[in-house]
Amino acid sequence: MMAISLRECSSLADLSNLRDQYLDSCPEGQELYLEMKVHDSRAFVIEAEDTKAGYFLIGLDGVLLEYFVIPAYIHNAGAWFCEILQRCRIQKALCKSFDHTLLACCLDHQVSVQVGGILCREWMDRPHRKIESSLAIRIARPEDVAHIIAINEEVFDHPDQIRDYVQNERVLLFEKKSLLIGFGLYSRVIPGRPEFDIGMLVVPEFRRSGYGSTIIRYMADFCRKQGWRPICGCDAANIGSLRCLQNAGFIARYRLLGFTFP
């Protein structure tokens, strides 16, 4: 096997060229949940024959998040992966089902695998489903923050995140006769790339009335009109959210997989 050295980088920026190659090689856009973990990850360059042959990222919890080998060395990907697992004592990995190299390597070495998330990358608009005319839609304002905090159910991790989204006008409120039905939100996943992650929350008393799908469909159409690509996902166990996304026109073709190694 070709000898490699592993060098930890001072920041993710040191890998910008390699990571751009990785993102370009993936047939689908990055998942926001993973990208948030990537921001706090430890980054390592794989060096072989005085060449930066690839990289990998390990999250703060020790989970492998990304693994990439440039095309010239791709025939070494499997053997290098095994060595990296051993040298870095990696026991877990998160893998998008469309990340073919990492998926193959994980499958070769796993002792267990679990579906953790549903990833939607395709949206088929359903124009025959009109937005209810009585719904008023507006951009959330700073004075709305307290109300959003009060109804938030794990959509946002922290009140400061809500304030940031509102300040940057990335939250839309859906109201009916001055009553808040719910809200939609959007966020660019990676600067310079077209994918925007969208999400929503419906106030409990208005659930099971189709409003969730209405909000998601509106957010997807909103992104499309800006020239962006709407993407989304949900926890694999959240059957209600999955049904909502599918009713809004999204196709649940991909999965976020959690692997465990010996």
C-alpha atoms as a PDB file:
ATOM      1  CA  MET A   1       0.000   0.000   0.000  1.00  0.00           C
ATOM      2  CA  MET A   2       1.232   3.500  -0.812  1.00  0.00           C
ATOM      3  CA  ALA A   3       2.498   5.301   2.293  1.00  0.00           C
ATOM      4  CA  ILE A   4       0.537   8.336   3.429  1.00  0.00           C
ATOM      5  CA  SER A   5       0.953  11.024   6.050  1.00  0.00           C
ATOM      6  CA  LEU A   6      -1.919  12.731   7.844  1.00  0.00           C
ATOM      7  CA  ARG A   7      -1.542  16.405   8.701  1.00  0.00           C
ATOM      8  CA  GLU A   8      -4.077  18.299  10.779  1.00  0.00           C
ATOM      9  CA  CYS A   9      -4.926  21.727   9.372  1.00  0.00           C
ATOM     10  CA  SER A  10      -5.223  24.897  11.397  1.00  0.00           C
ATOM     11  CA  SER A  11      -8.600  25.662   9.803  1.00  0.00           C
ATOM     12  CA  LEU A  12     -11.035  24.389   7.230  1.00  0.00           C
ATOM     13  CA  ALA A  13      -9.883  27.162   4.898  1.00  0.00           C
ATOM     14  CA  ASP A  14      -6.632  25.262   4.366  1.00  0.00           C
ATOM     15  CA  LEU A  15      -8.696  22.638   2.552  1.00  0.00           C
ATOM     16  CA  SER A  16     -10.758  24.994   0.409  1.00  0.00           C
ATOM     17  CA  ASN A  17      -9.455  23.695  -2.932  1.00  0.00           C
ATOM     18  CA  LEU A  18      -9.775  20.026  -1.981  1.00  0.00           C
ATOM     19  CA  ARG A  19     -13.200  20.544  -0.461  1.00  0.00           C
ATOM     20  CA  ASP A  20     -14.431  22.356  -3.558  1.00  0.00           C
ATOM     21  CA  GLN A  21     -13.371  19.294  -5.560  1.00  0.00           C
ATOM     22  CA  TYR A  22     -15.276  17.069  -3.148  1.00  0.00           C
ATOM     23  CA  LEU A  23     -18.444  19.158  -3.298  1.00  0.00           C
ATOM     24  CA  ASP A  24     -18.235  19.303  -7.096  1.00  0.00           C
ATOM     25  CA  SER A  25     -17.848  15.514  -7.232  1.00  0.00           C
ATOM     26  CA  CYS A  26     -21.029  14.866  -5.237  1.00  0.00           C
ATOM     27  CA  PRO A  27     -24.090  14.419  -7.455  1.00  0.00           C
ATOM     28  CA  GLU A  28     -26.246  16.281  -4.922  1.00  0.00           C
ATOM     29  CA  GLY A  29     -25.925  19.266  -2.615  1.00  0.00           C
ATOM     30  CA  GLN A  30     -24.560  19.214   0.908  1.00  0.00           C
ATOM     31  CA  GLU A  31     -26.855  18.647   3.895  1.00  0.00           C
ATOM     32  CA  LEU A  32     -27.217  21.668   6.230  1.00  0.00           C
ATOM     33  CA  TYR A  33     -27.198  19.451   9.341  1.00  0.00           C
ATOM     34  CA  LEU A  34     -23.791  18.094   8.321  1.00  0.00           C
ATOM     35  CA  GLU A  35     -22.478  21.479   7.218  1.00  0.00           C
ATOM     36  CA  MET A  36     -23.127  22.884  10.679  1.00  0.00           C
ATOM     37  CA  LYS A  37     -21.049  20.041  12.133  1.00  0.00           C
ATOM     38  CA  VAL A  38     -18.352  20.636   9.518  1.00  0.00           C
ATOM     39  CA  HIS A  39     -17.851  24.207  10.741  1.00  0.00           C
ATOM     40  CA  ASP A  40     -16.589  22.896  14.095  1.00  0.00           C
ATOM     41  CA  SER A  41     -14.725  19.855  12.772  1.00  0.00           C
ATOM     42  CA  ARG A  42     -11.048  18.923  12.775  1.00  0.00           C
ATOM     43  CA  ALA A  43      -9.621  18.886   9.250  1.00  0.00           C
ATOM     44  CA  PHE A  44      -6.851  16.577   8.024  1.00  0.00           C
ATOM     45  CA  VAL A  45      -4.940  16.502   4.750  1.00  0.00           C
ATOM     46  CA  ILE A  46      -3.886  13.148   3.291  1.00  0.00           C
ATOM     47  CA  GLU A  47      -0.439  13.492   1.712  1.00  0.00           C
ATOM     48  CA  ALA A  48       1.106  10.926  -0.640  1.00  0.00           C
ATOM     49  CA  GLU A  49       4.154  11.322  -2.870  1.00  0.00           C
ATOM     50  CA  ASP A  50       4.458  14.981  -1.835  1.00  0.00           C
ATOM     51  CA  THR A  51       0.920  15.566  -3.075  1.00  0.00           C
ATOM     52  CA  LYS A  52      -2.248  16.601  -1.277  1.00  0.00           C
ATOM     53  CA  ALA A  53      -4.109  13.459  -2.238  1.00  0.00           C
ATOM     54  CA  GLY A  54      -7.256  13.996  -0.193  1.00  0.00           C
ATOM     55  CA  TYR A  55      -8.694  15.013   3.147  1.00  0.00           C
ATOM     56  CA  PHE A  56     -11.103  13.994   5.870  1.00  0.00           C
ATOM     57  CA  LEU A  57     -13.083  15.775   8.576  1.00  0.00           C
ATOM     58  CA  ILE A  58     -13.788  14.591  12.119  1.00  0.00           C
ATOM     59  CA  GLY A  59     -16.525  16.270  14.157  1.00  0.00           C
ATOM     60  CA  LEU A  60     -16.159  17.387  17.755  1.00  0.00           C
ATOM     61  CA  ASP A  61     -17.877  14.162  18.807  1.00  0.00           C
ATOM     62  CA  GLY A  62     -15.271  12.054  16.996  1.00  0.00           C
ATOM     63  CA  VAL A  63     -17.587  11.158  14.102  1.00  0.00           C
ATOM     64  CA  LEU A  64     -16.155  11.072  10.575  1.00  0.00           C
ATOM     65  CA  LEU A  65     -18.058  13.598   8.446  1.00  0.00           C
ATOM     66  CA  GLU A  66     -16.256  13.681   5.102  1.00  0.00           C
ATOM     67  CA  TYR A  67     -13.620  11.643   3.279  1.00  0.00           C
ATOM     68  CA  PHE A  68     -12.287  12.558  -0.144  1.00  0.00           C
ATOM     69  CA  VAL A  69      -9.489  11.266  -2.362  1.00  0.00           C
ATOM     70  CA  ILE A  70      -8.576  13.035  -5.608  1.00  0.00           C
ATOM     71  CA  PRO A  71      -9.168  11.039  -8.827  1.00  0.00           C
ATOM     72  CA  ALA A  72      -5.461  10.311  -9.408  1.00  0.00           C
ATOM     73  CA  TYR A  73      -5.346   8.318  -6.157  1.00  0.00           C
ATOM     74  CA  ILE A  74      -8.897   6.997  -5.956  1.00  0.00           C
ATOM     75  CA  HIS A  75      -7.714   3.392  -6.304  1.00  0.00           C
ATOM     76  CA  ASN A  76      -6.172   3.799  -2.826  1.00  0.00           C
ATOM     77  CA  ALA A  77      -9.371   5.087  -1.199  1.00  0.00           C
ATOM     78  CA  GLY A  78     -10.359   1.807   0.443  1.00  0.00           C
ATOM     79  CA  ALA A  79      -6.956   0.985   1.920  1.00  0.00           C
ATOM     80  CA  TRP A  80      -6.378   4.555   3.106  1.00  0.00           C
ATOM     81  CA  PHE A  81      -9.801   4.622   4.728  1.00  0.00           C
ATOM     82  CA  CYS A  82      -8.956   1.520   6.747  1.00  0.00           C
ATOM     83  CA  GLU A  83      -5.666   3.063   7.870  1.00  0.00           C
ATOM     84  CA  ILE A  84      -7.352   6.346   8.830  1.00  0.00           C
ATOM     85  CA  LEU A  85      -9.926   4.516  10.937  1.00  0.00           C
ATOM     86  CA  GLN A  86      -7.148   2.770  12.840  1.00  0.00           C
ATOM     87  CA  ARG A  87      -4.749   5.690  13.209  1.00  0.00           C
ATOM     88  CA  CYS A  88      -7.427   8.183  14.247  1.00  0.00           C
ATOM     89  CA  ARG A  89      -9.447   5.654  16.261  1.00  0.00           C
ATOM     90  CA  ILE A  90     -12.641   6.519  14.429  1.00  0.00           C
ATOM     91  CA  GLN A  91     -15.620   4.425  15.467  1.00  0.00           C
ATOM     92  CA  LYS A  92     -18.488   6.239  13.768  1.00  0.00           C
ATOM     93  CA  ALA A  93     -19.276   8.041  10.530  1.00  0.00           C
ATOM     94  CA  LEU A  94     -22.160   9.976   9.021  1.00  0.00           C
ATOM     95  CA  CYS A  95     -22.597   9.469   5.301  1.00  0.00           C
ATOM     96  CA  LYS A  96     -24.979  10.837   2.701  1.00  0.00           C
ATOM     97  CA  SER A  97     -26.234   7.976   0.540  1.00  0.00           C
ATOM     98  CA  PHE A  98     -25.167   9.851  -2.612  1.00  0.00           C
ATOM     99  CA  ASP A  99     -21.552  10.206  -1.381  1.00  0.00           C
ATOM    100  CA  HIS A 100     -20.438   7.110  -3.271  1.00  0.00           C
ATOM    101  CA  THR A 101     -16.788   6.833  -2.201  1.00  0.00           C
ATOM    102  CA  LEU A 102     -17.460   7.289   1.498  1.00  0.00           C
ATOM    103  CA  LEU A 103     -20.502   5.025   1.291  1.00  0.00           C
ATOM    104  CA  ALA A 104     -18.489   2.187  -0.270  1.00  0.00           C
ATOM    105  CA  CYS A 105     -15.713   2.539   2.306  1.00  0.00           C
ATOM    106  CA  CYS A 106     -18.152   2.600   5.212  1.00  0.00           C
ATOM    107  CA  LEU A 107     -20.011  -0.447   3.954  1.00  0.00           C
ATOM    108  CA  ASP A 108     -16.742  -2.370   3.693  1.00  0.00           C
ATOM    109  CA  HIS A 109     -15.818  -1.761   7.348  1.00  0.00           C
ATOM    110  CA  GLN A 110     -19.069  -1.276   9.290  1.00  0.00           C
ATOM    111  CA  VAL A 111     -20.457  -3.507  11.998  1.00  0.00           C
ATOM    112  CA  SER A 112     -23.792  -1.669  11.984  1.00  0.00           C
ATOM    113  CA  VAL A 113     -25.631   0.964   9.974  1.00  0.00           C
ATOM    114  CA  GLN A 114     -28.710   2.997  10.784  1.00  0.00           C
ATOM    115  CA  VAL A 115     -30.826   5.418   8.778  1.00  0.00           C
ATOM    116  CA  GLY A 116     -30.773   8.687  10.662  1.00  0.00           C
ATOM    117  CA  GLY A 117     -32.281  11.136   8.202  1.00  0.00           C
ATOM    118  CA  ILE A 118     -34.258  11.533   4.989  1.00  0.00           C
ATOM    119  CA  LEU A 119     -32.663  13.836   2.404  1.00  0.00           C
ATOM    120  CA  CYS A 120     -34.803  15.498  -0.290  1.00  0.00           C
ATOM    121  CA  ARG A 121     -33.049  17.050  -3.263  1.00  0.00           C
ATOM    122  CA  GLU A 122     -35.746  17.045  -5.949  1.00  0.00           C
ATOM    123  CA  TRP A 123     -38.875  19.157  -5.936  1.00  0.00           C
ATOM    124  CA  MET A 124     -41.751  18.789  -8.375  1.00  0.00           C
ATOM    125  CA  ASP A 125     -44.110  21.752  -8.124  1.00  0.00           C
ATOM    126  CA  ARG A 126     -47.813  21.014  -7.973  1.00  0.00           C
ATOM    127  CA  PRO A 127     -49.336  24.194  -9.411  1.00  0.00           C
ATOM    128  CA  HIS A 128     -52.905  22.888  -9.065  1.00  0.00           C
ATOM    129  CA  ARG A 129     -52.563  23.261  -5.295  1.00  0.00           C
ATOM    130  CA  LYS A 130     -53.146  26.949  -4.716  1.00  0.00           C
ATOM    131  CA  ILE A 131     -52.035  28.921  -1.671  1.00  0.00           C
ATOM    132  CA  GLU A 132     -55.099  29.643   0.461  1.00  0.00           C
ATOM    133  CA  SER A 133     -56.212  33.185  -0.400  1.00  0.00           C
ATOM    134  CA  SER A 134     -56.907  34.044   3.249  1.00  0.00           C
ATOM    135  CA  LEU A 135     -53.278  33.451   4.221  1.00  0.00           C
ATOM    136  CA  ALA A 136     -51.136  36.554   4.672  1.00  0.00           C
ATOM    137  CA  ILE A 137     -47.400  36.056   4.237  1.00  0.00           C
ATOM    138  CA  ARG A 138     -44.796  38.527   5.442  1.00  0.00           C
ATOM    139  CA  ILE A 139     -41.150  38.748   6.479  1.00  0.00           C
ATOM    140  CA  ALA A 140     -40.647  38.350  10.230  1.00  0.00           C
ATOM    141  CA  ARG A 141     -39.614  41.519  12.062  1.00  0.00           C
ATOM    142  CA  PRO A 142     -37.562  41.953  15.257  1.00  0.00           C
ATOM    143  CA  GLU A 143     -40.752  42.426  17.269  1.00  0.00           C
ATOM    144  CA  ASP A 144     -41.841  38.923  16.180  1.00  0.00           C
ATOM    145  CA  VAL A 145     -38.825  37.216  17.759  1.00  0.00           C
ATOM    146  CA  ALA A 146     -40.429  36.676  21.166  1.00  0.00           C
ATOM    147  CA  HIS A 147     -43.455  35.005  19.592  1.00  0.00           C
ATOM    148  CA  ILE A 148     -41.259  32.738  17.448  1.00  0.00           C
ATOM    149  CA  ILE A 149     -39.211  31.774  20.513  1.00  0.00           C
ATOM    150  CA  ALA A 150     -42.436  30.900  22.357  1.00  0.00           C
ATOM    151  CA  ILE A 151     -43.647  28.448  19.679  1.00  0.00           C
ATOM    152  CA  ASN A 152     -40.252  27.090  18.605  1.00  0.00           C
ATOM    153  CA  GLU A 153     -39.998  23.295  18.856  1.00  0.00           C
ATOM    154  CA  GLU A 154     -36.405  22.323  17.994  1.00  0.00           C
ATOM    155  CA  VAL A 155     -36.506  24.128  14.640  1.00  0.00           C
ATOM    156  CA  PHE A 156     -33.970  26.555  16.057  1.00  0.00           C
ATOM    157  CA  ASP A 157     -31.305  25.422  18.512  1.00  0.00           C
ATOM    158  CA  HIS A 158     -31.032  28.711  20.400  1.00  0.00           C
ATOM    159  CA  PRO A 159     -32.879  32.064  20.653  1.00  0.00           C
ATOM    160  CA  ASP A 160     -29.805  33.813  19.210  1.00  0.00           C
ATOM    161  CA  GLN A 161     -30.212  31.716  16.073  1.00  0.00           C
ATOM    162  CA  ILE A 162     -33.787  32.961  15.755  1.00  0.00           C
ATOM    163  CA  ARG A 163     -32.631  36.563  16.097  1.00  0.00           C
ATOM    164  CA  ASP A 164     -29.982  35.993  13.419  1.00  0.00           C
ATOM    165  CA  TYR A 165     -32.490  34.487  10.966  1.00  0.00           C
ATOM    166  CA  VAL A 166     -34.959  37.310  11.562  1.00  0.00           C
ATOM    167  CA  GLN A 167     -32.297  39.999  11.286  1.00  0.00           C
ATOM    168  CA  ASN A 168     -31.233  38.556   7.928  1.00  0.00           C
ATOM    169  CA  GLU A 169     -34.871  38.315   6.751  1.00  0.00           C
ATOM    170  CA  ARG A 170     -34.799  34.534   6.382  1.00  0.00           C
ATOM    171  CA  VAL A 171     -38.076  33.840   8.226  1.00  0.00           C
ATOM    172  CA  LEU A 172     -41.524  34.261   6.668  1.00  0.00           C
ATOM    173  CA  LEU A 173     -44.652  34.336   8.827  1.00  0.00           C
ATOM    174  CA  PHE A 174     -47.931  32.824   7.638  1.00  0.00           C
ATOM    175  CA  GLU A 175     -50.988  34.424   9.232  1.00  0.00           C
ATOM    176  CA  LYS A 176     -54.745  34.050   8.956  1.00  0.00           C
ATOM    177  CA  LYS A 177     -57.007  36.753  10.339  1.00  0.00           C
ATOM    178  CA  SER A 178     -54.039  38.098  12.326  1.00  0.00           C
ATOM    179  CA  LEU A 179     -53.412  34.677  13.893  1.00  0.00           C
ATOM    180  CA  LEU A 180     -50.000  33.106  13.363  1.00  0.00           C
ATOM    181  CA  ILE A 181     -50.433  29.783  11.536  1.00  0.00           C
ATOM    182  CA  GLY A 182     -46.729  29.025  11.300  1.00  0.00           C
ATOM    183  CA  PHE A 183     -43.461  30.126   9.766  1.00  0.00           C
ATOM    184  CA  GLY A 184     -41.088  29.100   7.005  1.00  0.00           C
ATOM    185  CA  LEU A 185     -37.354  29.633   6.941  1.00  0.00           C
ATOM    186  CA  TYR A 186     -34.510  29.315   4.467  1.00  0.00           C
ATOM    187  CA  SER A 187     -30.731  29.329   4.666  1.00  0.00           C
ATOM    188  CA  ARG A 188     -27.958  29.038   2.093  1.00  0.00           C
ATOM    189  CA  VAL A 189     -26.063  25.841   2.896  1.00  0.00           C
ATOM    190  CA  ILE A 190     -22.647  26.872   1.517  1.00  0.00           C
ATOM    191  CA  PRO A 191     -21.693  30.390   0.311  1.00  0.00           C
ATOM    192  CA  GLY A 192     -21.403  30.543  -3.465  1.00  0.00           C
ATOM    193  CA  ARG A 193     -23.447  27.389  -4.050  1.00  0.00           C
ATOM    194  CA  PRO A 194     -27.109  27.346  -5.141  1.00  0.00           C
ATOM    195  CA  GLU A 195     -28.625  25.085  -2.475  1.00  0.00           C
ATOM    196  CA  PHE A 196     -30.908  26.651   0.129  1.00  0.00           C
ATOM    197  CA  ASP A 197     -32.223  24.528   2.968  1.00  0.00           C
ATOM    198  CA  ILE A 198     -35.851  25.220   3.797  1.00  0.00           C
ATOM    199  CA  GLY A 199     -37.956  24.315   6.820  1.00  0.00           C
ATOM    200  CA  MET A 200     -41.167  25.197   8.586  1.00  0.00           C
ATOM    201  CA  LEU A 201     -43.163  25.007  11.788  1.00  0.00           C
ATOM    202  CA  VAL A 202     -46.946  25.030  12.196  1.00  0.00           C
ATOM    203  CA  VAL A 203     -48.501  26.252  15.445  1.00  0.00           C
ATOM    204  CA  PRO A 204     -49.934  23.151  17.247  1.00  0.00           C
ATOM    205  CA  GLU A 205     -53.604  24.151  17.018  1.00  0.00           C
ATOM    206  CA  PHE A 206     -53.368  24.473  13.215  1.00  0.00           C
ATOM    207  CA  ARG A 207     -51.643  21.162  12.529  1.00  0.00           C
ATOM    208  CA  ARG A 208     -53.070  18.304  10.438  1.00  0.00           C
ATOM    209  CA  SER A 209     -54.803  20.802   8.173  1.00  0.00           C
ATOM    210  CA  GLY A 210     -52.283  20.854   5.317  1.00  0.00           C
ATOM    211  CA  TYR A 211     -50.584  24.082   6.367  1.00  0.00           C
ATOM    212  CA  GLY A 212     -47.175  22.433   6.713  1.00  0.00           C
ATOM    213  CA  SER A 213     -47.136  21.331   3.080  1.00  0.00           C
ATOM    214  CA  THR A 214     -48.480  24.731   2.041  1.00  0.00           C
ATOM    215  CA  ILE A 215     -45.597  26.499   3.801  1.00  0.00           C
ATOM    216  CA  ILE A 216     -42.950  24.147   2.400  1.00  0.00           C
ATOM    217  CA  ARG A 217     -44.366  24.463  -1.115  1.00  0.00           C
ATOM    218  CA  TYR A 218     -44.362  28.260  -0.822  1.00  0.00           C
ATOM    219  CA  MET A 219     -40.763  28.291   0.474  1.00  0.00           C
ATOM    220  CA  ALA A 220     -39.607  26.012  -2.347  1.00  0.00           C
ATOM    221  CA  ASP A 221     -41.286  28.205  -4.959  1.00  0.00           C
ATOM    222  CA  PHE A 222     -39.855  31.318  -3.287  1.00  0.00           C
ATOM    223  CA  CYS A 223     -36.329  29.882  -3.606  1.00  0.00           C
ATOM    224  CA  ARG A 224     -36.842  28.839  -7.203  1.00  0.00           C
ATOM    225  CA  LYS A 225     -37.934  32.364  -8.124  1.00  0.00           C
ATOM    226  CA  GLN A 226     -34.674  33.720  -6.662  1.00  0.00           C
ATOM    227  CA  GLY A 227     -32.683  31.334  -8.841  1.00  0.00           C
ATOM    228  CA  TRP A 228     -31.817  29.077  -5.886  1.00  0.00           C
ATOM    229  CA  ARG A 229     -32.239  25.341  -5.449  1.00  0.00           C
ATOM    230  CA  PRO A 230     -34.523  24.382  -2.538  1.00  0.00           C
ATOM    231  CA  ILE A 231     -33.513  21.291  -0.553  1.00  0.00           C
ATOM    232  CA  CYS A 232     -34.704  19.873   2.744  1.00  0.00           C
ATOM    233  CA  GLY A 233     -34.756  16.838   4.990  1.00  0.00           C
ATOM    234  CA  CYS A 234     -36.062  15.404   8.222  1.00  0.00           C
ATOM    235  CA  ASP A 235     -35.316  12.847  10.902  1.00  0.00           C
ATOM    236  CA  ALA A 236     -36.002   9.321   9.680  1.00  0.00           C
ATOM    237  CA  ALA A 237     -38.352   8.712  12.602  1.00  0.00           C
ATOM    238  CA  ASN A 238     -40.445  11.818  11.921  1.00  0.00           C
ATOM    239  CA  ILE A 239     -43.116  10.286   9.708  1.00  0.00           C
ATOM    240  CA  GLY A 240     -45.283  13.415   9.901  1.00  0.00           C
ATOM    241  CA  SER A 241     -42.528  15.672   8.568  1.00  0.00           C
ATOM    242  CA  LEU A 242     -41.702  13.226   5.778  1.00  0.00           C
ATOM    243  CA  ARG A 243     -45.335  13.090   4.704  1.00  0.00           C
ATOM    244  CA  CYS A 244     -45.457  16.898   4.763  1.00  0.00           C
ATOM    245  CA  LEU A 245     -42.385  17.200   2.513  1.00  0.00           C
ATOM    246  CA  GLN A 246     -43.718  14.629   0.073  1.00  0.00           C
ATOM    247  CA  ASN A 247     -47.142  16.270  -0.061  1.00  0.00           C
ATOM    248  CA  ALA A 248     -45.365  19.534  -0.889  1.00  0.00           C
ATOM    249  CA  GLY A 249     -43.734  17.873  -3.910  1.00  0.00           C
ATOM    250  CA  PHE A 250     -40.326  16.769  -2.609  1.00  0.00           C
ATOM    251  CA  ILE A 251     -38.928  13.343  -3.475  1.00  0.00           C
ATOM    252  CA  ALA A 252     -37.300  11.456  -0.601  1.00  0.00           C
ATOM    253  CA  ARG A 253     -34.668   9.681  -2.682  1.00  0.00           C
ATOM    254  CA  TYR A 254     -31.639   9.849  -0.328  1.00  0.00           C
ATOM    255  CA  ARG A 255     -30.707   8.982   3.247  1.00  0.00           C
ATOM    256  CA  LEU A 256     -28.270  10.129   5.930  1.00  0.00           C
ATOM    257  CA  LEU A 257     -26.651   6.967   7.257  1.00  0.00           C
ATOM    258  CA  GLY A 258     -24.908   6.432  10.573  1.00  0.00           C
ATOM    259  CA  PHE A 259     -22.160   3.790  10.525  1.00  0.00           C
ATOM    260  CA  THR A 260     -20.384   2.117  13.424  1.00  0.00           C
ATOM    261  CA  PHE A 261     -16.957   0.503  13.039  1.00  0.00           C
ATOM    262  CA  PRO A 262     -15.183  -2.100  15.193  1.00  0.00           C
END
